[in-house]
Amino acid sequence: MRITANQVTIARLLAMPLLGALAYGEEQTRIFAVILGTLIGLTDTVDGYLARKYGSTVLGSLLDPVADKVFIVVCYGCCADLGMFSWAVTAAILSRELLVTVLRSSLELRGRRLPSSNAAKAKTWVQMMGIGFVVLIPIMPGQTALALLFAVPMAGGLIALAIVASIRRRRYRPLEFAITVLIGFLTASLLGGVPAARIAVLGFVVAMTWYTALDYLAAGIKELAPRGPHRFLHWARLVAGAALPVVAMLAMGMTRLPTVPLIILLSVDMARGALDNYAAHRRVTDFSWVASLWAELALLGAAIALPRIGANLTIIAMLIGVTETLRSLARYFRAPAPATVAASAARTAGVAAPAAAKAVPPTATPGRAGAEP
């Protein structure tokens, strides 16, 4: 039986609850969590390969970016809840993710499709490896083991770089960049131990995360600044998308509201963002997400202000997010395919359906390669 890219992606999503549960275990259990997280990260390459080999699908184009973002939500959300680092770190990372997702929808509706840069493609890998280092740093048995945590992959990178240089006779800049970063981490661990190593890793992850957003932000502000259709709704969705992860992490870190509903809420909103991107790509103007985002923000704000009923308000916010995402998913799968829409319009206009179908641009159904990293 042939394994498909969609099956691999769905397996990644199903493994997320187990990954979150392992994060709350003892030190040995957390090592298993890092191993599982590494395997999940590697499947991102596997499903991409299968999609290129056998062809991508609409479902795959929706699930692939969702799986990546849910992975980041679960890992960084659980680690912040465990006190491995400040909730503000997770808020900074997730705020960028949801902000760019919202911004991509707005740009799509304005006819702008931004290609992903090489740095943006590497950003998710940086986030995945960064959280693995953060989990392992405090459980290293001594200074030597901590140094080896960075020295071993650095040495492996140097060997790989030498092999590539001897075979291809050219430089491989991504690997050079990774080695340089690992040298920085190693230096921090040697000079300042566990605290310095943790700060170096998290600081680089946050910096890389926001650096890759600069192109999107520059294009988005330029596009949305002038007056245009639905300008207020674009900005309302943009502000809510940037604010929701910050408020959710504030609720988790400052008032100790229940973690699971908050992680589910952020995960389903990441999924809703992928659906919104898909709709915008097909030029479907749908701002229903604006209302649900602001409703969730209001409920979380009330939960922070009223901690006695905060848990109940958080669960209600989560249910709104889940319901809205499921409703949108059902609506998009019921929608006619782009070729069907074009053929129907052609018949109405008295044009032959096959000719209309040929007129459908090849980007009408986005593949995995077009997903925003």
Foldseek 3Di string as FASTA:
>chain_A
DDDALVNLLVVLVVCLVVLLVLCPDDLVSVVVSLVVLVVSVVSLVVSVVRCVVPNFDLVQQLRSQLSLLLSLLSLLLSCCLVVLDPLVLSLLLQLLLLLLLLLLLVCLLVVDADAQDPLQVCLSVLSSVLSSLSSVQVVQPDLVSNLCVLVVVLVVLVVVQVVCCVPVVDGDVVSVVSSVLSVVLNVQCNVPNSVSSNCSSSVVSSVSSVVSCPVSVVVSCVVLVDDDPPSVLSVLSSVLSSCLSVLLSCCCRPLNADSVLSSLLSSLSSSLSSLSSLCSNLSNDDSPVSVLSVQLVVLSVVCVVPVVCNNVSSNVNSVSSVVVSVVSVVVVVPDDQPLVVQLVVCVVVVHHSVVSSVVDDPPNRPGNSSHRD
